[in-house]
Amino acid sequence: MIAKWYKIITPILMITFLSGCLVFDNTDLHMDEDDVIAAKGDGVRIASQFFALNTYEYDEDSEYNFDDLINLLDPEQDGTILIIDPIMGARYSKDYMRLEEELENHIFTEEDGLKYRDSYKLEFEFGDFRFQEDNIRNTVIPFRVEFKVKETIEDVYDDSSTPELLTDNGTIFFELRRHSSRWWINQITINFRELGAVSIDKDIDHYIDKYSLDMDYPDDFR
């Protein structure tokens, strides 16, 4: 008798367990068109925030709080969170703890402040988002962005100045992961390319309009 009930209950338990997993997987795997568009908009917003918080333009009323930048990074990522592929030399990586420590200590010295202050500016041009549509999920958004770094320096000691210069360009791969009711940057891979190799066809303003994002870059993130 016991053997008979065991034969009946075991398949029921297995079916219940597996059906629960399939329901969960379907929720994560299947997204309608509106959900995909919303996910892309979230990707554009997070990338814009990342670039805005890495921008520097002196303003005596501004406080550059690197905690805002750290707060974009996934605290549950216990492996590599940043991979850098330079033009020369070997690829290298950093984990969350190391990157957090470096960001917290990334401040201008008093001497730097006296010398550069409002004479130094670093800004980004970026766009041409390429989303990996087949891999977008409710909890994952992978995409690539082309970027350029432009810097301007005026030396207040001798009044010499440089025009806006292109100092870096390349492609950044972002992988965003959603948990705790928000999106986090789970991994960033920066591939630097030779200067002048990157040409950006559609910049951030195009994507703000495309996904109807209620934001201004970079003002909303400073």
C-alpha atoms as a PDB file:
ATOM      1  CA  MET A   1       0.000   0.000   0.000  1.00  0.00           C
ATOM      2  CA  ILE A   2       2.770   2.407   0.950  1.00  0.00           C
ATOM      3  CA  ALA A   3       4.625   1.601  -2.263  1.00  0.00           C
ATOM      4  CA  LYS A   4       1.466   2.329  -4.271  1.00  0.00           C
ATOM      5  CA  TRP A   5       0.978   5.803  -2.712  1.00  0.00           C
ATOM      6  CA  TYR A   6       4.697   6.531  -3.102  1.00  0.00           C
ATOM      7  CA  LYS A   7       4.464   5.849  -6.838  1.00  0.00           C
ATOM      8  CA  ILE A   8       1.559   8.309  -7.136  1.00  0.00           C
ATOM      9  CA  ILE A   9       2.914  11.115  -4.907  1.00  0.00           C
ATOM     10  CA  THR A  10       6.428  11.193  -6.372  1.00  0.00           C
ATOM     11  CA  PRO A  11       5.333  12.109  -9.933  1.00  0.00           C
ATOM     12  CA  ILE A  12       2.931  14.751  -8.517  1.00  0.00           C
ATOM     13  CA  LEU A  13       5.713  16.345  -6.494  1.00  0.00           C
ATOM     14  CA  MET A  14       8.052  16.319  -9.488  1.00  0.00           C
ATOM     15  CA  ILE A  15       5.451  17.867 -11.807  1.00  0.00           C
ATOM     16  CA  THR A  16       4.632  20.562  -9.224  1.00  0.00           C
ATOM     17  CA  PHE A  17       8.309  21.381  -8.717  1.00  0.00           C
ATOM     18  CA  LEU A  18       9.131  21.508 -12.415  1.00  0.00           C
ATOM     19  CA  SER A  19       6.038  23.493 -13.335  1.00  0.00           C
ATOM     20  CA  GLY A  20       7.006  26.096 -10.742  1.00  0.00           C
ATOM     21  CA  CYS A  21      10.442  26.415 -12.328  1.00  0.00           C
ATOM     22  CA  LEU A  22       8.984  26.679 -15.801  1.00  0.00           C
ATOM     23  CA  VAL A  23       6.610  29.439 -14.740  1.00  0.00           C
ATOM     24  CA  PHE A  24       9.504  31.382 -13.201  1.00  0.00           C
ATOM     25  CA  ASP A  25      11.688  30.896 -16.273  1.00  0.00           C
ATOM     26  CA  ASN A  26       8.912  31.980 -18.617  1.00  0.00           C
ATOM     27  CA  THR A  27       8.503  35.194 -16.660  1.00  0.00           C
ATOM     28  CA  ASP A  28      12.171  35.973 -17.124  1.00  0.00           C
ATOM     29  CA  LEU A  29      12.546  34.782 -20.708  1.00  0.00           C
ATOM     30  CA  HIS A  30       9.450  36.102 -22.433  1.00  0.00           C
ATOM     31  CA  MET A  31       9.058  39.864 -22.749  1.00  0.00           C
ATOM     32  CA  ASP A  32       6.608  41.663 -24.973  1.00  0.00           C
ATOM     33  CA  GLU A  33       7.663  44.529 -27.238  1.00  0.00           C
ATOM     34  CA  ASP A  34       6.727  47.228 -24.729  1.00  0.00           C
ATOM     35  CA  ASP A  35       8.838  45.560 -22.022  1.00  0.00           C
ATOM     36  CA  VAL A  36      11.860  45.398 -24.340  1.00  0.00           C
ATOM     37  CA  ILE A  37      11.482  49.074 -25.244  1.00  0.00           C
ATOM     38  CA  ALA A  38      11.234  49.973 -21.548  1.00  0.00           C
ATOM     39  CA  ALA A  39      14.372  47.908 -20.811  1.00  0.00           C
ATOM     40  CA  LYS A  40      16.284  49.743 -23.535  1.00  0.00           C
ATOM     41  CA  GLY A  41      15.160  53.045 -22.070  1.00  0.00           C
ATOM     42  CA  ASP A  42      16.472  51.929 -18.675  1.00  0.00           C
ATOM     43  CA  GLY A  43      19.796  51.050 -20.303  1.00  0.00           C
ATOM     44  CA  VAL A  44      20.078  54.500 -21.897  1.00  0.00           C
ATOM     45  CA  ARG A  45      19.221  56.172 -18.589  1.00  0.00           C
ATOM     46  CA  ILE A  46      21.789  54.198 -16.560  1.00  0.00           C
ATOM     47  CA  ALA A  47      24.540  54.712 -19.152  1.00  0.00           C
ATOM     48  CA  SER A  48      23.777  58.454 -19.208  1.00  0.00           C
ATOM     49  CA  GLN A  49      24.065  58.554 -15.445  1.00  0.00           C
ATOM     50  CA  PHE A  50      27.386  56.706 -15.583  1.00  0.00           C
ATOM     51  CA  PHE A  51      28.866  59.146 -18.109  1.00  0.00           C
ATOM     52  CA  ALA A  52      27.463  62.215 -16.344  1.00  0.00           C
ATOM     53  CA  LEU A  53      29.004  61.194 -13.030  1.00  0.00           C
ATOM     54  CA  ASN A  54      32.377  60.699 -14.741  1.00  0.00           C
ATOM     55  CA  THR A  55      32.186  64.175 -16.302  1.00  0.00           C
ATOM     56  CA  TYR A  56      34.166  66.974 -14.664  1.00  0.00           C
ATOM     57  CA  GLU A  57      33.504  70.678 -15.008  1.00  0.00           C
ATOM     58  CA  TYR A  58      34.446  72.870 -12.068  1.00  0.00           C
ATOM     59  CA  ASP A  59      31.672  74.675 -10.258  1.00  0.00           C
ATOM     60  CA  GLU A  60      32.359  76.141  -6.833  1.00  0.00           C
ATOM     61  CA  ASP A  61      28.799  75.353  -5.789  1.00  0.00           C
ATOM     62  CA  SER A  62      29.019  71.696  -6.843  1.00  0.00           C
ATOM     63  CA  GLU A  63      30.052  68.779  -4.689  1.00  0.00           C
ATOM     64  CA  TYR A  64      31.466  65.836  -6.577  1.00  0.00           C
ATOM     65  CA  ASN A  65      30.100  62.962  -4.572  1.00  0.00           C
ATOM     66  CA  PHE A  66      31.728  59.779  -5.785  1.00  0.00           C
ATOM     67  CA  ASP A  67      29.263  57.833  -3.657  1.00  0.00           C
ATOM     68  CA  ASP A  68      26.739  58.479  -6.443  1.00  0.00           C
ATOM     69  CA  LEU A  69      29.021  56.694  -8.902  1.00  0.00           C
ATOM     70  CA  ILE A  70      29.717  53.822  -6.503  1.00  0.00           C
ATOM     71  CA  ASN A  71      25.969  53.499  -5.975  1.00  0.00           C
ATOM     72  CA  LEU A  72      25.543  52.524  -9.636  1.00  0.00           C
ATOM     73  CA  LEU A  73      27.668  49.391  -9.111  1.00  0.00           C
ATOM     74  CA  ASP A  74      26.144  46.062  -8.147  1.00  0.00           C
ATOM     75  CA  PRO A  75      27.099  45.358  -4.495  1.00  0.00           C
ATOM     76  CA  GLU A  76      26.244  41.687  -5.024  1.00  0.00           C
ATOM     77  CA  GLN A  77      28.895  41.332  -7.735  1.00  0.00           C
ATOM     78  CA  ASP A  78      31.677  39.449  -5.962  1.00  0.00           C
ATOM     79  CA  GLY A  79      33.723  38.868  -9.115  1.00  0.00           C
ATOM     80  CA  THR A  80      35.069  41.145 -11.819  1.00  0.00           C
ATOM     81  CA  ILE A  81      33.011  44.307 -12.283  1.00  0.00           C
ATOM     82  CA  LEU A  82      35.363  46.323 -14.525  1.00  0.00           C
ATOM     83  CA  ILE A  83      37.441  45.040 -17.451  1.00  0.00           C
ATOM     84  CA  ILE A  84      39.741  47.403 -19.323  1.00  0.00           C
ATOM     85  CA  ASP A  85      41.177  46.542 -22.718  1.00  0.00           C
ATOM     86  CA  PRO A  86      43.814  49.224 -23.471  1.00  0.00           C
ATOM     87  CA  ILE A  87      45.268  50.017 -26.858  1.00  0.00           C
ATOM     88  CA  MET A  88      48.690  48.886 -25.666  1.00  0.00           C
ATOM     89  CA  GLY A  89      49.405  46.315 -22.994  1.00  0.00           C
ATOM     90  CA  ALA A  90      47.404  43.466 -21.537  1.00  0.00           C
ATOM     91  CA  ARG A  91      43.756  43.505 -20.559  1.00  0.00           C
ATOM     92  CA  TYR A  92      43.192  43.907 -16.805  1.00  0.00           C
ATOM     93  CA  SER A  93      40.252  43.845 -14.416  1.00  0.00           C
ATOM     94  CA  LYS A  94      39.046  45.121 -11.043  1.00  0.00           C
ATOM     95  CA  ASP A  95      36.526  43.774  -8.570  1.00  0.00           C
ATOM     96  CA  TYR A  96      33.913  45.740  -6.650  1.00  0.00           C
ATOM     97  CA  MET A  97      36.018  46.326  -3.525  1.00  0.00           C
ATOM     98  CA  ARG A  98      39.028  47.641  -5.435  1.00  0.00           C
ATOM     99  CA  LEU A  99      36.930  49.869  -7.660  1.00  0.00           C
ATOM    100  CA  GLU A 100      35.028  51.246  -4.672  1.00  0.00           C
ATOM    101  CA  GLU A 101      38.295  52.057  -2.895  1.00  0.00           C
ATOM    102  CA  GLU A 102      39.734  53.793  -5.968  1.00  0.00           C
ATOM    103  CA  LEU A 103      36.581  55.855  -6.516  1.00  0.00           C
ATOM    104  CA  GLU A 104      36.459  56.954  -2.883  1.00  0.00           C
ATOM    105  CA  ASN A 105      40.066  58.155  -3.119  1.00  0.00           C
ATOM    106  CA  HIS A 106      39.654  59.817  -6.518  1.00  0.00           C
ATOM    107  CA  ILE A 107      39.763  63.456  -5.459  1.00  0.00           C
ATOM    108  CA  PHE A 108      41.670  66.509  -6.628  1.00  0.00           C
ATOM    109  CA  THR A 109      44.471  67.639  -4.313  1.00  0.00           C
ATOM    110  CA  GLU A 110      44.548  71.202  -3.001  1.00  0.00           C
ATOM    111  CA  GLU A 111      47.358  71.948  -5.458  1.00  0.00           C
ATOM    112  CA  ASP A 112      45.295  70.578  -8.338  1.00  0.00           C
ATOM    113  CA  GLY A 113      42.375  72.722  -7.260  1.00  0.00           C
ATOM    114  CA  LEU A 114      44.458  75.887  -7.167  1.00  0.00           C
ATOM    115  CA  LYS A 115      46.017  75.176 -10.548  1.00  0.00           C
ATOM    116  CA  TYR A 116      43.027  73.971 -12.538  1.00  0.00           C
ATOM    117  CA  ARG A 117      39.750  74.892 -10.811  1.00  0.00           C
ATOM    118  CA  ASP A 118      37.509  76.200 -13.573  1.00  0.00           C
ATOM    119  CA  SER A 119      40.247  75.796 -16.179  1.00  0.00           C
ATOM    120  CA  TYR A 120      39.849  72.035 -16.532  1.00  0.00           C
ATOM    121  CA  LYS A 121      36.920  70.273 -18.143  1.00  0.00           C
ATOM    122  CA  LEU A 122      36.324  66.648 -19.111  1.00  0.00           C
ATOM    123  CA  GLU A 123      33.188  65.592 -20.935  1.00  0.00           C
ATOM    124  CA  PHE A 124      31.847  62.656 -22.926  1.00  0.00           C
ATOM    125  CA  GLU A 125      30.194  62.283 -26.270  1.00  0.00           C
ATOM    126  CA  PHE A 126      28.417  58.941 -26.594  1.00  0.00           C
ATOM    127  CA  GLY A 127      25.725  57.115 -28.495  1.00  0.00           C
ATOM    128  CA  ASP A 128      25.140  54.419 -31.114  1.00  0.00           C
ATOM    129  CA  PHE A 129      23.642  52.050 -28.538  1.00  0.00           C
ATOM    130  CA  ARG A 130      23.715  48.430 -29.664  1.00  0.00           C
ATOM    131  CA  PHE A 131      21.419  46.282 -27.533  1.00  0.00           C
ATOM    132  CA  GLN A 132      21.750  42.496 -27.486  1.00  0.00           C
ATOM    133  CA  GLU A 133      18.025  42.075 -28.007  1.00  0.00           C
ATOM    134  CA  ASP A 134      18.036  38.265 -27.832  1.00  0.00           C
ATOM    135  CA  ASN A 135      19.632  38.469 -24.380  1.00  0.00           C
ATOM    136  CA  ILE A 136      17.446  41.188 -22.825  1.00  0.00           C
ATOM    137  CA  ARG A 137      15.510  39.833 -19.848  1.00  0.00           C
ATOM    138  CA  ASN A 138      13.451  41.262 -17.005  1.00  0.00           C
ATOM    139  CA  THR A 139      16.617  41.027 -14.924  1.00  0.00           C
ATOM    140  CA  VAL A 140      19.401  41.576 -17.498  1.00  0.00           C
ATOM    141  CA  ILE A 141      20.123  44.297 -20.066  1.00  0.00           C
ATOM    142  CA  PRO A 142      23.330  43.894 -22.132  1.00  0.00           C
ATOM    143  CA  PHE A 143      24.403  46.602 -24.594  1.00  0.00           C
ATOM    144  CA  ARG A 144      27.351  48.453 -26.123  1.00  0.00           C
ATOM    145  CA  VAL A 145      27.922  52.199 -26.424  1.00  0.00           C
ATOM    146  CA  GLU A 146      30.443  54.149 -28.497  1.00  0.00           C
ATOM    147  CA  PHE A 147      32.158  56.960 -26.584  1.00  0.00           C
ATOM    148  CA  LYS A 148      34.624  59.825 -26.904  1.00  0.00           C
ATOM    149  CA  VAL A 149      36.442  61.678 -24.106  1.00  0.00           C
ATOM    150  CA  LYS A 150      37.171  65.355 -24.664  1.00  0.00           C
ATOM    151  CA  GLU A 151      39.304  67.494 -22.335  1.00  0.00           C
ATOM    152  CA  THR A 152      40.136  71.179 -22.074  1.00  0.00           C
ATOM    153  CA  ILE A 153      42.907  72.631 -19.873  1.00  0.00           C
ATOM    154  CA  GLU A 154      43.934  76.213 -19.240  1.00  0.00           C
ATOM    155  CA  ASP A 155      46.956  76.829 -17.017  1.00  0.00           C
ATOM    156  CA  VAL A 156      46.099  79.761 -14.774  1.00  0.00           C
ATOM    157  CA  TYR A 157      49.779  80.323 -13.978  1.00  0.00           C
ATOM    158  CA  ASP A 158      50.914  81.307 -17.456  1.00  0.00           C
ATOM    159  CA  ASP A 159      47.552  81.835 -19.205  1.00  0.00           C
ATOM    160  CA  SER A 160      48.363  79.129 -21.725  1.00  0.00           C
ATOM    161  CA  SER A 161      45.471  77.029 -22.905  1.00  0.00           C
ATOM    162  CA  THR A 162      44.653  74.052 -25.033  1.00  0.00           C
ATOM    163  CA  PRO A 163      41.582  73.749 -27.244  1.00  0.00           C
ATOM    164  CA  GLU A 164      39.141  70.929 -26.622  1.00  0.00           C
ATOM    165  CA  LEU A 165      41.091  67.767 -27.367  1.00  0.00           C
ATOM    166  CA  LEU A 166      39.967  64.225 -28.072  1.00  0.00           C
ATOM    167  CA  THR A 167      41.941  62.217 -25.508  1.00  0.00           C
ATOM    168  CA  ASP A 168      40.234  58.797 -25.598  1.00  0.00           C
ATOM    169  CA  ASN A 169      37.622  56.892 -27.542  1.00  0.00           C
ATOM    170  CA  GLY A 170      36.276  53.379 -27.788  1.00  0.00           C
ATOM    171  CA  THR A 171      33.377  51.121 -26.865  1.00  0.00           C
ATOM    172  CA  ILE A 172      31.901  50.283 -23.474  1.00  0.00           C
ATOM    173  CA  PHE A 173      29.943  47.085 -22.904  1.00  0.00           C
ATOM    174  CA  PHE A 174      27.423  47.360 -20.051  1.00  0.00           C
ATOM    175  CA  GLU A 175      25.654  44.468 -18.364  1.00  0.00           C
ATOM    176  CA  LEU A 176      22.881  45.666 -16.077  1.00  0.00           C
ATOM    177  CA  ARG A 177      21.199  43.391 -13.560  1.00  0.00           C
ATOM    178  CA  ARG A 178      17.986  44.028 -11.684  1.00  0.00           C
ATOM    179  CA  HIS A 179      17.480  43.096  -8.051  1.00  0.00           C
ATOM    180  CA  SER A 180      16.317  44.847  -4.883  1.00  0.00           C
ATOM    181  CA  SER A 181      13.780  46.758  -7.020  1.00  0.00           C
ATOM    182  CA  ARG A 182      16.350  48.586  -9.174  1.00  0.00           C
ATOM    183  CA  TRP A 183      18.967  48.235 -11.907  1.00  0.00           C
ATOM    184  CA  TRP A 184      22.689  47.949 -11.125  1.00  0.00           C
ATOM    185  CA  ILE A 185      25.804  47.929 -13.305  1.00  0.00           C
ATOM    186  CA  ASN A 186      26.944  44.345 -12.891  1.00  0.00           C
ATOM    187  CA  GLN A 187      29.857  44.530 -15.321  1.00  0.00           C
ATOM    188  CA  ILE A 188      31.578  47.103 -17.534  1.00  0.00           C
ATOM    189  CA  THR A 189      34.086  46.291 -20.270  1.00  0.00           C
ATOM    190  CA  ILE A 190      35.928  49.273 -21.758  1.00  0.00           C
ATOM    191  CA  ASN A 191      37.634  48.708 -25.096  1.00  0.00           C
ATOM    192  CA  PHE A 192      39.848  51.659 -25.992  1.00  0.00           C
ATOM    193  CA  ARG A 193      40.617  52.292 -29.659  1.00  0.00           C
ATOM    194  CA  GLU A 194      43.084  54.458 -31.522  1.00  0.00           C
ATOM    195  CA  LEU A 195      42.201  58.150 -31.439  1.00  0.00           C
ATOM    196  CA  GLY A 196      39.837  59.087 -34.212  1.00  0.00           C
ATOM    197  CA  ALA A 197      38.665  55.515 -34.796  1.00  0.00           C
ATOM    198  CA  VAL A 198      35.222  56.133 -33.274  1.00  0.00           C
ATOM    199  CA  SER A 199      32.532  57.971 -35.211  1.00  0.00           C
ATOM    200  CA  ILE A 200      29.214  58.485 -33.410  1.00  0.00           C
ATOM    201  CA  ASP A 201      26.213  58.682 -35.717  1.00  0.00           C
ATOM    202  CA  LYS A 202      23.364  59.009 -33.192  1.00  0.00           C
ATOM    203  CA  ASP A 203      24.210  60.722 -29.906  1.00  0.00           C
ATOM    204  CA  ILE A 204      22.468  60.564 -26.525  1.00  0.00           C
ATOM    205  CA  ASP A 205      19.824  63.168 -27.466  1.00  0.00           C
ATOM    206  CA  HIS A 206      18.569  60.850 -30.221  1.00  0.00           C
ATOM    207  CA  TYR A 207      17.967  58.052 -27.696  1.00  0.00           C
ATOM    208  CA  ILE A 208      16.375  60.318 -25.112  1.00  0.00           C
ATOM    209  CA  ASP A 209      13.810  61.237 -27.769  1.00  0.00           C
ATOM    210  CA  LYS A 210      13.512  57.681 -29.117  1.00  0.00           C
ATOM    211  CA  TYR A 211      12.601  56.172 -25.749  1.00  0.00           C
ATOM    212  CA  SER A 212      10.652  59.235 -24.515  1.00  0.00           C
ATOM    213  CA  LEU A 213      12.878  59.645 -21.473  1.00  0.00           C
ATOM    214  CA  ASP A 214      11.988  62.511 -19.172  1.00  0.00           C
ATOM    215  CA  MET A 215      15.565  63.594 -18.478  1.00  0.00           C
ATOM    216  CA  ASP A 216      18.289  65.998 -19.481  1.00  0.00           C
ATOM    217  CA  TYR A 217      21.882  64.888 -19.861  1.00  0.00           C
ATOM    218  CA  PRO A 218      23.908  65.595 -17.777  1.00  0.00           C
ATOM    219  CA  ASP A 219      21.930  67.979 -15.558  1.00  0.00           C
ATOM    220  CA  ASP A 220      19.665  65.331 -14.040  1.00  0.00           C
ATOM    221  CA  PHE A 221      22.652  63.389 -12.697  1.00  0.00           C
ATOM    222  CA  ARG A 222      24.829  66.113 -11.141  1.00  0.00           C
END
